[in-house]
Amino acid sequence: DGALVLLSGFFEGGNEVRLIRRDGSIVARWPVDYY
């Protein structure tokens, strides 16, 4: 359907915001570090 899903959470050992396709592949990712 062409939709994308924004996820915010704990991925690969750190905080991250990521945008994925319906099949789970990553369109874009933003690893974020508070410090």
Full PDB file with SEQRES, HELIX, SHEET, SSBOND, CRYST1, ORIGX, SCALE, CONECT and MASTER records, all heavy atoms in Angstrom:
SEQRES   1 A   35  ASP GLY ALA LEU VAL LEU LEU SER GLY PHE PHE GLU GLY          
SEQRES   2 A   35  GLY ASN GLU VAL ARG LEU ILE ARG ARG ASP GLY SER ILE          
SEQRES   3 A   35  VAL ALA ARG TRP PRO VAL ASP TYR TYR                          
SHEET    1 AA1 3 VAL A   5  PHE A  11  0                                        
SHEET    2 AA1 3 GLY A  14  ILE A  20 -1                                        
SHEET    3 AA1 3 ILE A  26  PRO A  31 -1                                        
CRYST1    1.000    1.000    1.000  90.00  90.00  90.00 P 1           1          
ORIGX1      1.000000  0.000000  0.000000        0.00000                         
ORIGX2      0.000000  1.000000  0.000000        0.00000                         
ORIGX3      0.000000  0.000000  1.000000        0.00000                         
SCALE1      1.000000  0.000000  0.000000        0.00000                         
SCALE2      0.000000  1.000000  0.000000        0.00000                         
SCALE3      0.000000  0.000000  1.000000        0.00000                         
ATOM      1  N   ASP A   1       0.810  -1.217   0.000  1.00  0.00           N  
ATOM      2  CA  ASP A   1       0.000   0.000   0.000  1.00  0.00           C  
ATOM      3  C   ASP A   1       0.841   1.264   0.000  1.00  0.00           C  
ATOM      4  O   ASP A   1       0.305   2.368   0.062  1.00  0.00           O  
ATOM      5  CB  ASP A   1      -0.953   0.006   1.197  1.00  0.00           C  
ATOM      6  CG  ASP A   1      -0.236  -0.069   2.538  1.00  0.00           C  
ATOM      7  OD1 ASP A   1       1.010  -0.109   2.551  1.00  0.00           O  
ATOM      8  OD2 ASP A   1      -0.925  -0.100   3.583  1.00  0.00           O  
ATOM      9  N   GLY A   2       2.172   1.134  -0.039  1.00  0.00           N  
ATOM     10  CA  GLY A   2       3.049   2.295  -0.092  1.00  0.00           C  
ATOM     11  C   GLY A   2       3.264   2.980   1.240  1.00  0.00           C  
ATOM     12  O   GLY A   2       3.985   3.982   1.303  1.00  0.00           O  
ATOM     13  N   ALA A   3       2.652   2.463   2.319  1.00  0.00           N  
ATOM     14  CA  ALA A   3       2.805   3.096   3.621  1.00  0.00           C  
ATOM     15  C   ALA A   3       4.168   2.792   4.221  1.00  0.00           C  
ATOM     16  O   ALA A   3       4.785   1.757   3.942  1.00  0.00           O  
ATOM     17  CB  ALA A   3       1.703   2.613   4.565  1.00  0.00           C  
ATOM     18  N   LEU A   4       4.649   3.709   5.066  1.00  0.00           N  
ATOM     19  CA  LEU A   4       5.862   3.512   5.842  1.00  0.00           C  
ATOM     20  C   LEU A   4       5.504   3.617   7.322  1.00  0.00           C  
ATOM     21  O   LEU A   4       4.480   4.211   7.685  1.00  0.00           O  
ATOM     22  CB  LEU A   4       6.917   4.554   5.480  1.00  0.00           C  
ATOM     23  CG  LEU A   4       7.389   4.578   4.018  1.00  0.00           C  
ATOM     24  CD1 LEU A   4       8.380   5.717   3.800  1.00  0.00           C  
ATOM     25  CD2 LEU A   4       8.008   3.250   3.607  1.00  0.00           C  
ATOM     26  N   VAL A   5       6.347   3.041   8.182  1.00  0.00           N  
ATOM     27  CA  VAL A   5       6.072   3.024   9.612  1.00  0.00           C  
ATOM     28  C   VAL A   5       7.241   3.652  10.355  1.00  0.00           C  
ATOM     29  O   VAL A   5       8.402   3.265  10.155  1.00  0.00           O  
ATOM     30  CB  VAL A   5       5.834   1.593  10.134  1.00  0.00           C  
ATOM     31  CG1 VAL A   5       5.491   1.619  11.624  1.00  0.00           C  
ATOM     32  CG2 VAL A   5       4.719   0.901   9.350  1.00  0.00           C  
ATOM     33  N   LEU A   6       6.938   4.640  11.195  1.00  0.00           N  
ATOM     34  CA  LEU A   6       7.943   5.260  12.058  1.00  0.00           C  
ATOM     35  C   LEU A   6       7.969   4.503  13.379  1.00  0.00           C  
ATOM     36  O   LEU A   6       6.922   4.268  13.995  1.00  0.00           O  
ATOM     37  CB  LEU A   6       7.603   6.730  12.316  1.00  0.00           C  
ATOM     38  CG  LEU A   6       8.637   7.505  13.135  1.00  0.00           C  
ATOM     39  CD1 LEU A   6       9.858   7.835  12.282  1.00  0.00           C  
ATOM     40  CD2 LEU A   6       8.027   8.780  13.716  1.00  0.00           C  
ATOM     41  N   LEU A   7       9.161   4.124  13.829  1.00  0.00           N  
ATOM     42  CA  LEU A   7       9.339   3.436  15.101  1.00  0.00           C  
ATOM     43  C   LEU A   7      10.340   4.216  15.952  1.00  0.00           C  
ATOM     44  O   LEU A   7      11.359   4.685  15.450  1.00  0.00           O  
ATOM     45  CB  LEU A   7       9.884   2.020  14.894  1.00  0.00           C  
ATOM     46  CG  LEU A   7       9.075   1.067  14.020  1.00  0.00           C  
ATOM     47  CD1 LEU A   7       9.842  -0.237  13.823  1.00  0.00           C  
ATOM     48  CD2 LEU A   7       7.707   0.791  14.636  1.00  0.00           C  
ATOM     49  N   SER A   8      10.059   4.330  17.233  1.00  0.00           N  
ATOM     50  CA  SER A   8      11.005   4.897  18.188  1.00  0.00           C  
ATOM     51  C   SER A   8      11.153   3.902  19.321  1.00  0.00           C  
ATOM     52  O   SER A   8      10.161   3.411  19.864  1.00  0.00           O  
ATOM     53  CB  SER A   8      10.488   6.237  18.724  1.00  0.00           C  
ATOM     54  OG  SER A   8      11.384   6.787  19.665  1.00  0.00           O  
ATOM     55  N   GLY A   9      12.407   3.565  19.666  1.00  0.00           N  
ATOM     56  CA  GLY A   9      12.618   2.588  20.717  1.00  0.00           C  
ATOM     57  C   GLY A   9      14.069   2.223  20.872  1.00  0.00           C  
ATOM     58  O   GLY A   9      14.971   3.036  20.617  1.00  0.00           O  
ATOM     59  N   PHE A  10      14.313   0.971  21.303  1.00  0.00           N  
ATOM     60  CA  PHE A  10      15.664   0.479  21.576  1.00  0.00           C  
ATOM     61  C   PHE A  10      16.032  -0.534  20.501  1.00  0.00           C  
ATOM     62  O   PHE A  10      15.436  -1.604  20.420  1.00  0.00           O  
ATOM     63  CB  PHE A  10      15.697  -0.165  22.961  1.00  0.00           C  
ATOM     64  CG  PHE A  10      17.073  -0.505  23.449  1.00  0.00           C  
ATOM     65  CD1 PHE A  10      17.944   0.484  23.882  1.00  0.00           C  
ATOM     66  CD2 PHE A  10      17.504  -1.828  23.488  1.00  0.00           C  
ATOM     67  CE1 PHE A  10      19.211   0.168  24.356  1.00  0.00           C  
ATOM     68  CE2 PHE A  10      18.766  -2.155  23.959  1.00  0.00           C  
ATOM     69  CZ  PHE A  10      19.622  -1.160  24.400  1.00  0.00           C  
ATOM     70  N   PHE A  11      17.002  -0.167  19.660  1.00  0.00           N  
ATOM     71  CA  PHE A  11      17.413  -1.015  18.555  1.00  0.00           C  
ATOM     72  C   PHE A  11      18.941  -1.130  18.538  1.00  0.00           C  
ATOM     73  O   PHE A  11      19.644  -0.120  18.664  1.00  0.00           O  
ATOM     74  CB  PHE A  11      16.959  -0.435  17.209  1.00  0.00           C  
ATOM     75  CG  PHE A  11      15.472  -0.230  17.099  1.00  0.00           C  
ATOM     76  CD1 PHE A  11      14.905   1.011  17.384  1.00  0.00           C  
ATOM     77  CD2 PHE A  11      14.637  -1.265  16.706  1.00  0.00           C  
ATOM     78  CE1 PHE A  11      13.539   1.215  17.270  1.00  0.00           C  
ATOM     79  CE2 PHE A  11      13.275  -1.070  16.590  1.00  0.00           C  
ATOM     80  CZ  PHE A  11      12.720   0.166  16.878  1.00  0.00           C  
ATOM     81  N   GLU A  12      19.428  -2.344  18.377  1.00  0.00           N  
ATOM     82  CA  GLU A  12      20.867  -2.583  18.207  1.00  0.00           C  
ATOM     83  C   GLU A  12      21.700  -1.914  19.299  1.00  0.00           C  
ATOM     84  O   GLU A  12      22.745  -1.311  19.039  1.00  0.00           O  
ATOM     85  CB  GLU A  12      21.318  -2.136  16.811  1.00  0.00           C  
ATOM     86  CG  GLU A  12      20.598  -2.883  15.683  1.00  0.00           C  
ATOM     87  CD  GLU A  12      21.037  -2.422  14.303  1.00  0.00           C  
ATOM     88  OE1 GLU A  12      22.110  -1.795  14.210  1.00  0.00           O  
ATOM     89  OE2 GLU A  12      20.303  -2.702  13.336  1.00  0.00           O  
ATOM     90  N   GLY A  13      21.191  -1.995  20.523  1.00  0.00           N  
ATOM     91  CA  GLY A  13      21.973  -1.539  21.666  1.00  0.00           C  
ATOM     92  C   GLY A  13      21.861  -0.075  22.018  1.00  0.00           C  
ATOM     93  O   GLY A  13      22.617   0.414  22.862  1.00  0.00           O  
ATOM     94  N   GLY A  14      20.949   0.654  21.386  1.00  0.00           N  
ATOM     95  CA  GLY A  14      20.821   2.069  21.708  1.00  0.00           C  
ATOM     96  C   GLY A  14      19.463   2.628  21.338  1.00  0.00           C  
ATOM     97  O   GLY A  14      18.646   1.974  20.684  1.00  0.00           O  
ATOM     98  N   ASN A  15      19.203   3.865  21.771  1.00  0.00           N  
ATOM     99  CA  ASN A  15      17.983   4.562  21.397  1.00  0.00           C  
ATOM    100  C   ASN A  15      18.035   4.934  19.925  1.00  0.00           C  
ATOM    101  O   ASN A  15      19.076   5.362  19.418  1.00  0.00           O  
ATOM    102  CB  ASN A  15      17.820   5.833  22.234  1.00  0.00           C  
ATOM    103  CG  ASN A  15      17.455   5.542  23.673  1.00  0.00           C  
ATOM    104  OD1 ASN A  15      16.499   4.830  23.935  1.00  0.00           O  
ATOM    105  ND2 ASN A  15      18.215   6.098  24.611  1.00  0.00           N  
ATOM    106  N   GLU A  16      16.914   4.791  19.260  1.00  0.00           N  
ATOM    107  CA  GLU A  16      16.901   5.071  17.826  1.00  0.00           C  
ATOM    108  C   GLU A  16      15.481   5.370  17.358  1.00  0.00           C  
ATOM    109  O   GLU A  16      14.506   4.818  17.875  1.00  0.00           O  
ATOM    110  CB  GLU A  16      17.452   3.869  17.064  1.00  0.00           C  
ATOM    111  CG  GLU A  16      17.626   4.097  15.574  1.00  0.00           C  
ATOM    112  CD  GLU A  16      18.407   2.968  14.908  1.00  0.00           C  
ATOM    113  OE1 GLU A  16      19.465   2.583  15.445  1.00  0.00           O  
ATOM    114  OE2 GLU A  16      17.946   2.482  13.858  1.00  0.00           O  
ATOM    115  N   VAL A  17      15.391   6.259  16.384  1.00  0.00           N  
ATOM    116  CA  VAL A  17      14.165   6.460  15.612  1.00  0.00           C  
ATOM    117  C   VAL A  17      14.453   5.919  14.219  1.00  0.00           C  
ATOM    118  O   VAL A  17      15.503   6.216  13.641  1.00  0.00           O  
ATOM    119  CB  VAL A  17      13.767   7.947  15.552  1.00  0.00           C  
ATOM    120  CG1 VAL A  17      12.469   8.119  14.767  1.00  0.00           C  
ATOM    121  CG2 VAL A  17      13.626   8.528  16.960  1.00  0.00           C  
ATOM    122  N   ARG A  18      13.542   5.110  13.698  1.00  0.00           N  
ATOM    123  CA  ARG A  18      13.773   4.565  12.356  1.00  0.00           C  
ATOM    124  C   ARG A  18      12.475   4.527  11.564  1.00  0.00           C  
ATOM    125  O   ARG A  18      11.383   4.448  12.133  1.00  0.00           O  
ATOM    126  CB  ARG A  18      14.409   3.177  12.414  1.00  0.00           C  
ATOM    127  CG  ARG A  18      13.666   2.145  13.198  1.00  0.00           C  
ATOM    128  CD  ARG A  18      14.289   0.739  13.078  1.00  0.00           C  
ATOM    129  NE  ARG A  18      15.704   0.694  13.411  1.00  0.00           N  
ATOM    130  CZ  ARG A  18      16.410  -0.441  13.446  1.00  0.00           C  
ATOM    131  NH1 ARG A  18      15.816  -1.609  13.191  1.00  0.00           N  
ATOM    132  NH2 ARG A  18      17.695  -0.417  13.747  1.00  0.00           N  
ATOM    133  N   LEU A  19      12.621   4.599  10.266  1.00  0.00           N  
ATOM    134  CA  LEU A  19      11.497   4.537   9.337  1.00  0.00           C  
ATOM    135  C   LEU A  19      11.650   3.264   8.522  1.00  0.00           C  
ATOM    136  O   LEU A  19      12.707   3.026   7.925  1.00  0.00           O  
ATOM    137  CB  LEU A  19      11.506   5.765   8.420  1.00  0.00           C  
ATOM    138  CG  LEU A  19      10.295   5.975   7.509  1.00  0.00           C  
ATOM    139  CD1 LEU A  19       9.041   6.281   8.320  1.00  0.00           C  
ATOM    140  CD2 LEU A  19      10.571   7.118   6.516  1.00  0.00           C  
ATOM    141  N   ILE A  20      10.602   2.425   8.512  1.00  0.00           N  
ATOM    142  CA  ILE A  20      10.708   1.142   7.835  1.00  0.00           C  
ATOM    143  C   ILE A  20       9.586   0.960   6.813  1.00  0.00           C  
ATOM    144  O   ILE A  20       8.544   1.619   6.871  1.00  0.00           O  
ATOM    145  CB  ILE A  20      10.678  -0.043   8.823  1.00  0.00           C  
ATOM    146  CG1 ILE A  20       9.314  -0.136   9.532  1.00  0.00           C  
ATOM    147  CG2 ILE A  20      11.812   0.074   9.842  1.00  0.00           C  
ATOM    148  CD1 ILE A  20       9.143  -1.393  10.362  1.00  0.00           C  
ATOM    149  N   ARG A  21       9.844   0.050   5.883  1.00  0.00           N  
ATOM    150  CA  ARG A  21       8.827  -0.365   4.918  1.00  0.00           C  
ATOM    151  C   ARG A  21       7.968  -1.464   5.528  1.00  0.00           C  
ATOM    152  O   ARG A  21       8.277  -1.999   6.595  1.00  0.00           O  
ATOM    153  CB  ARG A  21       9.483  -0.856   3.630  1.00  0.00           C  
ATOM    154  CG  ARG A  21      10.371   0.182   2.958  1.00  0.00           C  
ATOM    155  CD  ARG A  21      11.022  -0.381   1.696  1.00  0.00           C  
ATOM    156  NE  ARG A  21      11.923   0.601   1.087  1.00  0.00           N  
ATOM    157  CZ  ARG A  21      13.196   0.737   1.407  1.00  0.00           C  
ATOM    158  NH1 ARG A  21      13.754  -0.066   2.335  1.00  0.00           N  
ATOM    159  NH2 ARG A  21      13.943   1.654   0.816  1.00  0.00           N  
ATOM    160  N   ARG A  22       6.926  -1.829   4.822  1.00  0.00           N  
ATOM    161  CA  ARG A  22       6.035  -2.882   5.301  1.00  0.00           C  
ATOM    162  C   ARG A  22       6.759  -4.212   5.512  1.00  0.00           C  
ATOM    163  O   ARG A  22       6.389  -4.996   6.379  1.00  0.00           O  
ATOM    164  CB  ARG A  22       4.892  -3.090   4.304  1.00  0.00           C  
ATOM    165  CG  ARG A  22       3.860  -1.976   4.275  1.00  0.00           C  
ATOM    166  CD  ARG A  22       3.123  -1.883   5.580  1.00  0.00           C  
ATOM    167  NE  ARG A  22       1.823  -1.259   5.420  1.00  0.00           N  
ATOM    168  CZ  ARG A  22       0.929  -1.171   6.379  1.00  0.00           C  
ATOM    169  NH1 ARG A  22       1.201  -1.658   7.567  1.00  0.00           N  
ATOM    170  NH2 ARG A  22      -0.235  -0.598   6.180  1.00  0.00           N  
ATOM    171  N   ASP A  23       7.801  -4.469   4.732  1.00  0.00           N  
ATOM    172  CA  ASP A  23       8.525  -5.732   4.865  1.00  0.00           C  
ATOM    173  C   ASP A  23       9.591  -5.683   5.958  1.00  0.00           C  
ATOM    174  O   ASP A  23      10.312  -6.656   6.183  1.00  0.00           O  
ATOM    175  CB  ASP A  23       9.162  -6.150   3.534  1.00  0.00           C  
ATOM    176  CG  ASP A  23      10.216  -5.153   3.040  1.00  0.00           C  
ATOM    177  OD1 ASP A  23      10.529  -4.188   3.759  1.00  0.00           O  
ATOM    178  OD2 ASP A  23      10.727  -5.359   1.916  1.00  0.00           O  
ATOM    179  N   GLY A  24       9.700  -4.549   6.662  1.00  0.00           N  
ATOM    180  CA  GLY A  24      10.647  -4.409   7.754  1.00  0.00           C  
ATOM    181  C   GLY A  24      11.973  -3.811   7.362  1.00  0.00           C  
ATOM    182  O   GLY A  24      12.797  -3.494   8.235  1.00  0.00           O  
ATOM    183  N   SER A  25      12.255  -3.656   6.081  1.00  0.00           N  
ATOM    184  CA  SER A  25      13.514  -3.060   5.659  1.00  0.00           C  
ATOM    185  C   SER A  25      13.536  -1.582   6.033  1.00  0.00           C  
ATOM    186  O   SER A  25      12.506  -0.908   6.081  1.00  0.00           O  
ATOM    187  CB  SER A  25      13.727  -3.239   4.154  1.00  0.00           C  
ATOM    188  OG  SER A  25      12.672  -2.644   3.413  1.00  0.00           O  
ATOM    189  N   ILE A  26      14.740  -1.088   6.300  1.00  0.00           N  
ATOM    190  CA  ILE A  26      14.907   0.268   6.822  1.00  0.00           C  
ATOM    191  C   ILE A  26      15.026   1.280   5.691  1.00  0.00           C  
ATOM    192  O   ILE A  26      15.848   1.129   4.785  1.00  0.00           O  
ATOM    193  CB  ILE A  26      16.140   0.341   7.736  1.00  0.00           C  
ATOM    194  CG1 ILE A  26      15.955  -0.577   8.947  1.00  0.00           C  
ATOM    195  CG2 ILE A  26      16.390   1.773   8.197  1.00  0.00           C  
ATOM    196  CD1 ILE A  26      17.183  -0.677   9.832  1.00  0.00           C  
ATOM    197  N   VAL A  27      14.212   2.328   5.761  1.00  0.00           N  
ATOM    198  CA  VAL A  27      14.286   3.450   4.820  1.00  0.00           C  
ATOM    199  C   VAL A  27      15.277   4.495   5.331  1.00  0.00           C  
ATOM    200  O   VAL A  27      16.110   5.003   4.584  1.00  0.00           O  
ATOM    201  CB  VAL A  27      12.890   4.083   4.636  1.00  0.00           C  
ATOM    202  CG1 VAL A  27      12.974   5.314   3.728  1.00  0.00           C  
ATOM    203  CG2 VAL A  27      11.901   3.071   4.093  1.00  0.00           C  
ATOM    204  N   ALA A  28      15.176   4.811   6.629  1.00  0.00           N  
ATOM    205  CA  ALA A  28      16.060   5.804   7.251  1.00  0.00           C  
ATOM    206  C   ALA A  28      16.138   5.503   8.734  1.00  0.00           C  
ATOM    207  O   ALA A  28      15.210   4.934   9.314  1.00  0.00           O  
ATOM    208  CB  ALA A  28      15.541   7.217   7.021  1.00  0.00           C  
ATOM    209  N   ARG A  29      17.266   5.890   9.353  1.00  0.00           N  
ATOM    210  CA  ARG A  29      17.417   5.658  10.782  1.00  0.00           C  
ATOM    211  C   ARG A  29      18.153   6.830  11.416  1.00  0.00           C  
ATOM    212  O   ARG A  29      19.017   7.457  10.799  1.00  0.00           O  
ATOM    213  CB  ARG A  29      18.128   4.341  11.075  1.00  0.00           C  
ATOM    214  CG  ARG A  29      19.457   4.153  10.399  1.00  0.00           C  
ATOM    215  CD  ARG A  29      19.955   2.711  10.519  1.00  0.00           C  
ATOM    216  NE  ARG A  29      20.216   2.334  11.888  1.00  0.00           N  
ATOM    217  CZ  ARG A  29      21.419   2.337  12.451  1.00  0.00           C  
ATOM    218  NH1 ARG A  29      22.484   2.716  11.739  1.00  0.00           N  
ATOM    219  NH2 ARG A  29      21.570   1.970  13.700  1.00  0.00           N  
ATOM    220  N   TRP A  30      17.773   7.093  12.679  1.00  0.00           N  
ATOM    221  CA  TRP A  30      18.361   8.179  13.452  1.00  0.00           C  
ATOM    222  C   TRP A  30      18.801   7.634  14.813  1.00  0.00           C  
ATOM    223  O   TRP A  30      18.035   7.694  15.783  1.00  0.00           O  
ATOM    224  CB  TRP A  30      17.360   9.309  13.648  1.00  0.00           C  
ATOM    225  CG  TRP A  30      16.902  10.010  12.416  1.00  0.00           C  
ATOM    226  CD1 TRP A  30      17.384  11.175  11.901  1.00  0.00           C  
ATOM    227  CD2 TRP A  30      15.834   9.596  11.539  1.00  0.00           C  
ATOM    228  NE1 TRP A  30      16.692  11.521  10.766  1.00  0.00           N  
ATOM    229  CE2 TRP A  30      15.728  10.568  10.510  1.00  0.00           C  
ATOM    230  CE3 TRP A  30      14.949   8.513  11.515  1.00  0.00           C  
ATOM    231  CZ2 TRP A  30      14.804  10.485   9.482  1.00  0.00           C  
ATOM    232  CZ3 TRP A  30      14.023   8.421  10.489  1.00  0.00           C  
ATOM    233  CH2 TRP A  30      13.954   9.395   9.490  1.00  0.00           C  
ATOM    234  N   PRO A  31      20.008   7.080  14.942  1.00  0.00           N  
ATOM    235  CA  PRO A  31      20.510   6.717  16.272  1.00  0.00           C  
ATOM    236  C   PRO A  31      20.656   7.995  17.095  1.00  0.00           C  
ATOM    237  O   PRO A  31      21.209   8.986  16.612  1.00  0.00           O  
ATOM    238  CB  PRO A  31      21.870   6.073  15.981  1.00  0.00           C  
ATOM    239  CG  PRO A  31      21.829   5.731  14.520  1.00  0.00           C  
ATOM    240  CD  PRO A  31      20.963   6.762  13.878  1.00  0.00           C  
ATOM    241  N   VAL A  32      20.152   7.993  18.325  1.00  0.00           N  
ATOM    242  CA  VAL A  32      20.147   9.219  19.129  1.00  0.00           C  
ATOM    243  C   VAL A  32      20.774   8.947  20.489  1.00  0.00           C  
ATOM    244  O   VAL A  32      20.509   7.932  21.123  1.00  0.00           O  
ATOM    245  CB  VAL A  32      18.728   9.798  19.285  1.00  0.00           C  
ATOM    246  CG1 VAL A  32      18.198  10.255  17.923  1.00  0.00           C  
ATOM    247  CG2 VAL A  32      17.754   8.799  19.901  1.00  0.00           C  
ATOM    248  N   ASP A  33      21.626   9.852  20.913  1.00  0.00           N  
ATOM    249  CA  ASP A  33      22.370   9.728  22.160  1.00  0.00           C  
ATOM    250  C   ASP A  33      22.140  10.991  22.987  1.00  0.00           C  
ATOM    251  O   ASP A  33      22.500  12.099  22.560  1.00  0.00           O  
ATOM    252  CB  ASP A  33      23.861   9.547  21.845  1.00  0.00           C  
ATOM    253  CG  ASP A  33      24.705   9.375  23.079  1.00  0.00           C  
ATOM    254  OD1 ASP A  33      24.943  10.386  23.779  1.00  0.00           O  
ATOM    255  OD2 ASP A  33      25.129   8.233  23.353  1.00  0.00           O  
ATOM    256  N   TYR A  34      21.544  10.834  24.157  1.00  0.00           N  
ATOM    257  CA  TYR A  34      21.214  11.998  24.979  1.00  0.00           C  
ATOM    258  C   TYR A  34      22.450  12.809  25.338  1.00  0.00           C  
ATOM    259  O   TYR A  34      22.455  14.042  25.244  1.00  0.00           O  
ATOM    260  CB  TYR A  34      20.479  11.553  26.245  1.00  0.00           C  
ATOM    261  CG  TYR A  34      20.328  12.670  27.251  1.00  0.00           C  
ATOM    262  CD1 TYR A  34      19.535  13.783  26.955  1.00  0.00           C  
ATOM    263  CD2 TYR A  34      21.008  12.641  28.466  1.00  0.00           C  
ATOM    264  CE1 TYR A  34      19.408  14.825  27.856  1.00  0.00           C  
ATOM    265  CE2 TYR A  34      20.887  13.673  29.370  1.00  0.00           C  
ATOM    266  CZ  TYR A  34      20.090  14.767  29.062  1.00  0.00           C  
ATOM    267  OH  TYR A  34      19.975  15.817  29.953  1.00  0.00           O  
ATOM    268  N   TYR A  35      23.525  12.168  25.753  1.00  0.00           N  
ATOM    269  CA  TYR A  35      24.730  12.895  26.153  1.00  0.00           C  
ATOM    270  C   TYR A  35      25.311  13.705  24.991  1.00  0.00           C  
ATOM    271  O   TYR A  35      25.846  14.796  25.194  1.00  0.00           O  
ATOM    272  CB  TYR A  35      25.776  11.917  26.680  1.00  0.00           C  
ATOM    273  CG  TYR A  35      25.691  11.644  28.165  1.00  0.00           C  
ATOM    274  CD1 TYR A  35      24.474  11.596  28.823  1.00  0.00           C  
ATOM    275  CD2 TYR A  35      26.840  11.425  28.912  1.00  0.00           C  
ATOM    276  CE1 TYR A  35      24.392  11.349  30.176  1.00  0.00           C  
ATOM    277  CE2 TYR A  35      26.779  11.176  30.276  1.00  0.00           C  
ATOM    278  CZ  TYR A  35      25.548  11.139  30.905  1.00  0.00           C  
ATOM    279  OH  TYR A  35      25.484  10.893  32.257  1.00  0.00           O  
TER     280      TYR A  35                                                      
MASTER        0    0    0    0    3    0    0    6  279    1    0    3          
END                                                                             
